[in-house]
N, C-alpha and C. Protein backbone atom coordinates (compact mmCIF):
# COMPACT_ATOMS: atom_id res chain seq x y z
N MET A 1 179.61 71.19 45.16
CA MET A 1 179.75 70.45 46.75
C MET A 1 178.29 71.08 47.06
N SER A 2 177.92 72.08 46.41
CA SER A 2 176.72 72.60 47.06
C SER A 2 175.30 71.75 46.97
N GLU A 3 175.67 71.09 45.77
CA GLU A 3 174.96 70.02 45.38
C GLU A 3 174.80 68.78 46.32
N ALA A 4 175.83 68.74 46.99
CA ALA A 4 176.22 67.53 47.83
C ALA A 4 175.38 68.15 49.30
N ALA A 5 175.45 69.30 49.43
CA ALA A 5 174.99 69.87 49.95
C ALA A 5 173.43 70.00 50.51
N CYS A 6 172.60 69.91 49.60
CA CYS A 6 171.39 69.82 49.02
C CYS A 6 171.36 68.38 49.27
N ALA A 7 171.64 67.58 48.62
CA ALA A 7 171.59 65.91 49.03
C ALA A 7 171.17 65.71 50.54
N SER A 8 172.43 66.43 51.17
CA SER A 8 172.79 65.73 52.54
C SER A 8 171.63 65.73 53.36
N ALA A 9 170.80 67.56 53.07
CA ALA A 9 170.06 67.88 53.92
C ALA A 9 168.30 67.23 53.35
N SER A 10 168.05 67.21 52.38
CA SER A 10 167.03 66.58 51.62
C SER A 10 166.69 65.46 51.37
N ILE A 11 167.74 64.64 51.37
CA ILE A 11 167.65 62.95 50.70
C ILE A 11 168.04 62.45 51.95
N ARG A 12 169.08 62.59 52.79
CA ARG A 12 169.81 61.62 53.89
C ARG A 12 169.08 62.27 54.98
N ARG A 13 168.47 63.72 55.20
CA ARG A 13 168.01 64.47 56.02
C ARG A 13 169.26 64.40 57.19
N ASN A 14 170.66 64.72 57.11
CA ASN A 14 171.40 65.20 57.57
C ASN A 14 172.06 66.65 57.93
N PRO A 15 171.67 67.88 58.53
CA PRO A 15 171.89 69.07 58.62
C PRO A 15 173.37 68.82 58.63
N GLU A 16 173.96 68.27 59.88
CA GLU A 16 175.27 68.29 59.67
C GLU A 16 176.29 68.22 58.92
N GLN A 17 176.11 67.08 58.19
CA GLN A 17 177.24 66.92 56.92
C GLN A 17 176.46 67.86 55.41
N ALA A 18 175.26 68.32 56.00
CA ALA A 18 174.67 69.21 54.83
C ALA A 18 175.53 71.02 55.30
N ARG A 19 176.00 71.39 56.39
CA ARG A 19 176.95 72.29 56.66
C ARG A 19 178.23 72.10 56.47
N GLN A 20 178.52 70.58 56.44
CA GLN A 20 180.09 70.51 56.35
C GLN A 20 180.05 70.32 54.47
N TRP A 21 179.23 69.69 53.47
CA TRP A 21 179.35 70.27 52.08
C TRP A 21 179.37 71.84 51.93
N ARG A 22 177.98 72.17 52.77
CA ARG A 22 178.46 73.90 52.13
C ARG A 22 179.67 74.78 53.00
N GLN A 23 180.00 74.62 53.83
CA GLN A 23 181.44 75.34 54.03
C GLN A 23 182.73 74.49 53.42
N ARG A 24 182.68 74.01 52.95
CA ARG A 24 183.53 73.12 51.61
C ARG A 24 183.14 74.26 50.46
N ALA A 25 181.98 73.97 49.79
CA ALA A 25 181.61 74.42 48.71
C ALA A 25 182.28 75.67 48.55
N THR A 26 181.48 76.69 49.80
CA THR A 26 182.06 78.07 49.83
C THR A 26 183.67 78.35 50.25
N ALA A 27 184.48 77.23 50.53
CA ALA A 27 185.54 78.00 50.62
C ALA A 27 186.75 77.42 49.33
N LEU A 28 185.82 76.45 48.23
CA LEU A 28 186.24 76.33 47.05
C LEU A 28 186.04 77.60 45.81
N GLY A 29 185.19 78.56 46.41
CA GLY A 29 184.72 79.45 45.57
C GLY A 29 183.58 79.85 46.01
N LYS A 30 183.35 81.07 46.08
CA LYS A 30 181.67 81.48 45.75
C LYS A 30 180.72 81.08 45.08
N PRO A 31 179.99 80.20 45.51
CA PRO A 31 178.65 79.84 44.89
C PRO A 31 177.72 80.89 44.62
N ARG A 32 176.78 80.98 43.30
CA ARG A 32 176.11 81.93 43.23
C ARG A 32 175.24 82.40 44.07
N SER A 33 174.79 81.66 44.55
CA SER A 33 173.52 81.58 45.74
C SER A 33 173.54 80.18 46.89
N LEU A 34 173.09 80.48 48.08
CA LEU A 34 172.78 79.08 49.03
C LEU A 34 172.15 79.76 49.37
N GLU A 35 171.42 79.85 49.00
CA GLU A 35 169.74 80.05 49.41
C GLU A 35 169.14 78.74 49.70
N ALA A 36 168.98 78.16 48.13
CA ALA A 36 168.16 76.89 48.44
C ALA A 36 169.00 75.83 49.43
N VAL A 37 170.15 75.75 49.69
CA VAL A 37 171.29 74.94 50.46
C VAL A 37 171.28 75.19 51.83
N ASP A 38 170.52 76.13 52.23
CA ASP A 38 170.46 77.13 53.36
C ASP A 38 168.28 76.68 53.77
N ALA A 39 168.11 76.32 52.74
CA ALA A 39 166.31 76.01 52.40
C ALA A 39 166.23 74.56 53.11
N GLU A 40 166.95 73.94 52.28
CA GLU A 40 166.92 72.54 52.68
C GLU A 40 167.85 72.21 54.09
N ILE A 41 168.56 72.71 54.41
CA ILE A 41 169.52 72.28 55.80
C ILE A 41 168.19 72.73 56.95
N ALA A 42 167.31 74.22 56.77
CA ALA A 42 166.43 74.30 57.57
C ALA A 42 164.95 73.50 57.39
N ILE A 43 164.80 73.05 56.31
CA ILE A 43 163.52 71.86 56.17
C ILE A 43 163.99 70.99 57.44
N ALA A 44 165.34 70.04 57.18
CA ALA A 44 166.05 68.93 57.64
C ALA A 44 165.86 69.04 59.20
N GLU A 45 166.11 70.57 59.83
CA GLU A 45 166.08 70.79 61.31
C GLU A 45 164.50 71.12 61.32
N GLY A 46 163.56 70.98 60.83
CA GLY A 46 162.28 71.01 61.16
C GLY A 46 162.06 73.07 61.37
N ARG A 47 162.94 73.59 60.60
CA ARG A 47 162.28 75.15 60.88
C ARG A 47 161.97 75.98 59.90
N TYR A 48 160.70 75.14 59.47
CA TYR A 48 159.86 75.49 57.94
C TYR A 48 159.65 77.47 57.22
N GLU A 49 159.74 77.68 58.67
CA GLU A 49 159.46 79.55 58.23
C GLU A 49 160.82 80.05 58.00
N ALA A 50 161.83 79.52 58.44
CA ALA A 50 163.28 80.08 57.69
C ALA A 50 163.40 78.96 56.34
N ALA A 51 163.09 78.37 56.27
CA ALA A 51 163.15 77.24 54.83
C ALA A 51 162.49 78.64 54.01
N LEU A 52 161.14 78.67 53.92
CA LEU A 52 160.58 79.95 53.11
C LEU A 52 161.00 80.66 53.01
N GLN A 53 161.54 81.28 53.52
CA GLN A 53 162.58 82.56 53.50
C GLN A 53 163.46 82.48 52.57
N HIS A 54 164.08 81.32 53.05
CA HIS A 54 165.36 81.03 51.96
C HIS A 54 164.94 80.27 50.92
N LEU A 55 163.83 80.18 50.12
CA LEU A 55 163.44 79.18 49.22
C LEU A 55 162.46 80.30 48.13
N GLU A 56 161.86 81.63 48.93
CA GLU A 56 161.99 82.51 48.28
C GLU A 56 162.86 83.86 47.84
N ALA A 57 164.41 83.50 48.72
CA ALA A 57 165.34 84.90 48.57
C ALA A 57 166.20 83.16 47.34
N ALA A 58 166.29 82.06 47.03
CA ALA A 58 166.84 81.89 45.85
C ALA A 58 165.48 81.75 44.84
N GLN A 59 164.75 81.83 45.06
CA GLN A 59 163.74 82.39 43.67
C GLN A 59 164.10 83.72 43.29
N ALA A 60 164.13 84.39 43.99
CA ALA A 60 164.91 86.05 43.68
C ALA A 60 165.79 86.12 43.03
N HIS A 61 166.82 85.28 43.44
CA HIS A 61 168.24 85.00 43.06
C HIS A 61 168.04 84.63 41.12
N LEU A 62 167.28 83.69 41.42
CA LEU A 62 167.16 83.28 39.94
C LEU A 62 166.22 83.75 39.27
N ASP A 63 165.61 84.73 39.61
CA ASP A 63 164.26 85.38 38.58
C ASP A 63 165.42 86.99 38.17
N LYS A 64 166.10 87.55 39.05
CA LYS A 64 167.25 88.11 38.84
C LYS A 64 168.36 87.75 37.90
N SER A 65 169.11 86.78 38.41
CA SER A 65 169.69 86.30 36.79
C SER A 65 168.87 85.89 35.82
N GLY A 66 168.06 85.89 34.99
CA GLY A 66 167.71 85.73 34.04
C GLY A 66 167.77 84.51 33.67
N PHE A 67 167.58 83.15 34.05
CA PHE A 67 168.41 82.14 34.04
C PHE A 67 166.90 81.50 33.48
N ASP A 68 166.92 80.54 32.76
CA ASP A 68 165.92 80.33 32.15
C ASP A 68 166.03 78.91 31.33
N SER A 69 167.03 78.04 32.15
CA SER A 69 167.44 76.50 31.17
C SER A 69 166.71 75.35 31.80
N GLY A 70 166.52 74.27 31.20
CA GLY A 70 166.09 72.90 31.93
C GLY A 70 166.29 73.05 33.60
N LEU A 71 167.77 73.44 33.69
CA LEU A 71 167.95 72.67 35.03
C LEU A 71 167.19 73.99 36.03
N ALA A 72 167.14 75.48 35.25
CA ALA A 72 166.83 76.39 36.39
C ALA A 72 165.01 76.04 36.85
N ARG A 73 164.46 75.47 35.47
CA ARG A 73 163.01 75.36 35.47
C ARG A 73 162.87 73.89 36.64
N PHE A 74 163.57 73.50 36.71
CA PHE A 74 163.74 72.27 37.38
C PHE A 74 163.82 72.54 38.83
N ALA A 75 164.99 73.32 38.81
CA ALA A 75 165.24 73.88 40.41
C ALA A 75 163.98 74.50 41.06
N ARG A 76 163.23 75.33 40.06
CA ARG A 76 161.84 76.11 40.27
C ARG A 76 161.00 75.27 40.64
N GLU A 77 160.69 74.09 40.04
CA GLU A 77 159.80 72.58 40.39
C GLU A 77 160.08 72.44 41.86
N GLN A 78 161.28 72.04 42.30
CA GLN A 78 161.75 71.46 43.62
C GLN A 78 161.60 72.70 44.91
N TRP A 79 162.13 74.09 44.35
CA TRP A 79 161.65 74.87 45.14
C TRP A 79 159.96 74.84 45.59
N ALA A 80 159.39 74.64 44.71
CA ALA A 80 158.10 75.00 45.00
C ALA A 80 157.34 73.78 45.90
N GLN A 81 157.75 72.32 45.52
CA GLN A 81 157.06 71.10 46.02
C GLN A 81 158.43 71.46 47.72
N SER A 82 159.14 71.87 47.80
CA SER A 82 159.69 72.09 49.06
C SER A 82 158.78 73.68 49.95
N ALA A 83 158.68 74.51 49.30
CA ALA A 83 157.83 75.13 49.78
C ALA A 83 156.38 74.64 50.23
N ALA A 84 156.07 74.02 49.01
CA ALA A 84 154.41 73.10 49.69
C ALA A 84 154.49 72.90 50.83
N LEU A 85 155.58 72.10 50.64
CA LEU A 85 155.76 70.54 52.53
C LEU A 85 156.16 71.41 53.19
N CYS A 86 156.75 73.23 53.22
CA CYS A 86 156.84 73.88 54.48
C CYS A 86 155.00 74.15 54.99
N ARG A 87 154.49 75.03 53.77
CA ARG A 87 153.28 75.68 54.30
C ARG A 87 151.81 74.67 54.59
N ALA A 88 152.23 73.19 54.38
CA ALA A 88 151.67 71.87 54.71
C ALA A 88 151.84 71.69 55.94
N THR A 89 153.23 72.04 56.23
CA THR A 89 153.66 71.16 57.73
C THR A 89 153.14 72.39 58.88
N LEU A 90 153.05 73.97 58.17
CA LEU A 90 153.02 75.00 59.14
C LEU A 90 151.21 75.19 59.32
N ARG A 91 150.68 74.29 59.03
CA ARG A 91 149.14 74.57 58.75
C ARG A 91 148.87 74.03 60.44
């Protein structure tokens, strides 16, 4: 469900729906981290500084976990693109 929250925020640009999906994901069980979801919601709302903070926290969580799968690498690439968008918008 956290994937649905990210998609609602990043693809559909619907932060309200993303929050609902985030809440459902949390109700089903505690996800490892919701920082990436919160980053995408912040981007959809135009809160780029907050998004950068969430992206940094998501990266730190992944670094700490030691995951190095294809999915983890893909997530890192996506987060780097999102961070670049935020930085470019803040300039």
